[in-house]
């Protein structure tokens, strides 16, 4: 079981400035053996990395709070939580 609003997260790996975050790998906590699901807690202006992509799997992004910038090689798009 994992509560999105109060579940414990761990300090992300030390990265270059602009890539600070806290994270929890929750796929296994939810009982999934093939579910690669992570929860990230990002301070404003930070990112999980320069780019993130999946070749073989579906990718979801769910913003619970704040504004998210989605970057692709061609453009940037913004979305806000409701």
C-alpha atoms as a PDB file:
ATOM      1  CA  UNK A   1       0.000   0.000   0.000  1.00  0.00           C
ATOM      2  CA  UNK A   2       1.247   3.517  -0.753  1.00  0.00           C
ATOM      3  CA  UNK A   3      -0.506   6.827   0.003  1.00  0.00           C
ATOM      4  CA  UNK A   4       0.347   9.448  -2.640  1.00  0.00           C
ATOM      5  CA  UNK A   5      -0.109  12.286  -0.157  1.00  0.00           C
ATOM      6  CA  UNK A   6       1.714  10.914   2.890  1.00  0.00           C
ATOM      7  CA  UNK A   7       3.894   8.021   1.664  1.00  0.00           C
ATOM      8  CA  UNK A   8       7.584   8.162   2.509  1.00  0.00           C
ATOM      9  CA  UNK A   9       9.985   9.172  -0.255  1.00  0.00           C
ATOM     10  CA  UNK A  10      13.764   8.868  -0.407  1.00  0.00           C
ATOM     11  CA  UNK A  11      16.287  11.488  -1.439  1.00  0.00           C
ATOM     12  CA  UNK A  12      16.991  11.084  -5.138  1.00  0.00           C
ATOM     13  CA  UNK A  13      20.513  10.401  -6.364  1.00  0.00           C
ATOM     14  CA  UNK A  14      22.877  13.381  -6.190  1.00  0.00           C
ATOM     15  CA  UNK A  15      22.686  15.080  -9.551  1.00  0.00           C
ATOM     16  CA  UNK A  16      23.719  18.299 -11.198  1.00  0.00           C
ATOM     17  CA  UNK A  17      21.935  21.475 -10.085  1.00  0.00           C
ATOM     18  CA  UNK A  18      18.371  21.533 -11.388  1.00  0.00           C
ATOM     19  CA  UNK A  19      17.773  17.812 -10.835  1.00  0.00           C
ATOM     20  CA  UNK A  20      16.991  17.546  -7.116  1.00  0.00           C
ATOM     21  CA  UNK A  21      14.021  15.412  -6.106  1.00  0.00           C
ATOM     22  CA  UNK A  22      12.630  12.899  -3.673  1.00  0.00           C
ATOM     23  CA  UNK A  23      11.252   9.642  -5.057  1.00  0.00           C
ATOM     24  CA  UNK A  24       9.558   6.369  -4.155  1.00  0.00           C
ATOM     25  CA  UNK A  25       9.362   3.287  -6.351  1.00  0.00           C
ATOM     26  CA  UNK A  26       5.828   2.126  -5.629  1.00  0.00           C
ATOM     27  CA  UNK A  27       5.121  -0.592  -8.205  1.00  0.00           C
ATOM     28  CA  UNK A  28       6.136  -3.378  -5.836  1.00  0.00           C
ATOM     29  CA  UNK A  29       4.452  -1.648  -2.868  1.00  0.00           C
ATOM     30  CA  UNK A  30       1.188  -1.883  -4.798  1.00  0.00           C
ATOM     31  CA  UNK A  31       1.713  -5.589  -5.442  1.00  0.00           C
ATOM     32  CA  UNK A  32       2.899  -5.258  -9.041  1.00  0.00           C
ATOM     33  CA  UNK A  33       5.682  -7.523 -10.248  1.00  0.00           C
ATOM     34  CA  UNK A  34       5.884  -5.879 -13.705  1.00  0.00           C
ATOM     35  CA  UNK A  35       4.680  -2.382 -12.809  1.00  0.00           C
ATOM     36  CA  UNK A  36       7.423   0.243 -13.002  1.00  0.00           C
ATOM     37  CA  UNK A  37       5.694   3.084 -11.150  1.00  0.00           C
ATOM     38  CA  UNK A  38       7.485   5.888  -9.336  1.00  0.00           C
ATOM     39  CA  UNK A  39       6.302   8.917  -7.387  1.00  0.00           C
ATOM     40  CA  UNK A  40       8.484  12.028  -7.533  1.00  0.00           C
ATOM     41  CA  UNK A  41       8.378  15.056  -5.251  1.00  0.00           C
ATOM     42  CA  UNK A  42      10.046  17.922  -7.111  1.00  0.00           C
ATOM     43  CA  UNK A  43      10.811  21.354  -5.669  1.00  0.00           C
ATOM     44  CA  UNK A  44       9.823  24.250  -7.982  1.00  0.00           C
ATOM     45  CA  UNK A  45      12.223  24.598 -10.907  1.00  0.00           C
ATOM     46  CA  UNK A  46      13.721  21.111 -10.497  1.00  0.00           C
ATOM     47  CA  UNK A  47      13.434  18.091 -12.842  1.00  0.00           C
ATOM     48  CA  UNK A  48      13.983  14.336 -12.618  1.00  0.00           C
ATOM     49  CA  UNK A  49      16.485  14.545 -15.473  1.00  0.00           C
ATOM     50  CA  UNK A  50      17.241  16.205 -18.796  1.00  0.00           C
ATOM     51  CA  UNK A  51      14.882  13.860 -20.704  1.00  0.00           C
ATOM     52  CA  UNK A  52      12.975  10.712 -19.810  1.00  0.00           C
ATOM     53  CA  UNK A  53      11.461   8.345 -22.331  1.00  0.00           C
ATOM     54  CA  UNK A  54      10.239   4.784 -22.694  1.00  0.00           C
ATOM     55  CA  UNK A  55      10.589   2.814 -25.913  1.00  0.00           C
ATOM     56  CA  UNK A  56       8.573  -0.264 -24.987  1.00  0.00           C
ATOM     57  CA  UNK A  57       6.174   0.858 -22.264  1.00  0.00           C
ATOM     58  CA  UNK A  58       3.329   3.288 -21.883  1.00  0.00           C
ATOM     59  CA  UNK A  59       4.275   6.395 -19.924  1.00  0.00           C
ATOM     60  CA  UNK A  60       1.924   8.402 -17.702  1.00  0.00           C
ATOM     61  CA  UNK A  61       2.417  11.711 -15.942  1.00  0.00           C
ATOM     62  CA  UNK A  62      -0.042  12.733 -13.245  1.00  0.00           C
ATOM     63  CA  UNK A  63       0.498  16.115 -11.573  1.00  0.00           C
ATOM     64  CA  UNK A  64      -0.985  16.289  -8.079  1.00  0.00           C
ATOM     65  CA  UNK A  65       0.055  19.849  -7.320  1.00  0.00           C
ATOM     66  CA  UNK A  66       1.679  22.741  -9.184  1.00  0.00           C
ATOM     67  CA  UNK A  67       2.677  23.196 -12.818  1.00  0.00           C
ATOM     68  CA  UNK A  68       4.593  20.665 -14.915  1.00  0.00           C
ATOM     69  CA  UNK A  69       6.702  21.423 -17.994  1.00  0.00           C
ATOM     70  CA  UNK A  70       6.845  18.622 -20.551  1.00  0.00           C
ATOM     71  CA  UNK A  71       9.816  18.937 -22.908  1.00  0.00           C
ATOM     72  CA  UNK A  72      10.324  17.143 -26.177  1.00  0.00           C
ATOM     73  CA  UNK A  73      13.060  17.763 -28.754  1.00  0.00           C
ATOM     74  CA  UNK A  74      10.553  19.864 -30.737  1.00  0.00           C
ATOM     75  CA  UNK A  75       8.672  21.877 -28.099  1.00  0.00           C
ATOM     76  CA  UNK A  76       7.667  22.535 -24.498  1.00  0.00           C
ATOM     77  CA  UNK A  77       4.166  22.172 -23.088  1.00  0.00           C
ATOM     78  CA  UNK A  78       2.782  23.070 -19.676  1.00  0.00           C
ATOM     79  CA  UNK A  79       0.069  21.538 -17.555  1.00  0.00           C
ATOM     80  CA  UNK A  80      -1.254  22.341 -14.091  1.00  0.00           C
ATOM     81  CA  UNK A  81      -2.888  20.180 -11.464  1.00  0.00           C
ATOM     82  CA  UNK A  82      -6.512  20.961 -10.700  1.00  0.00           C
END
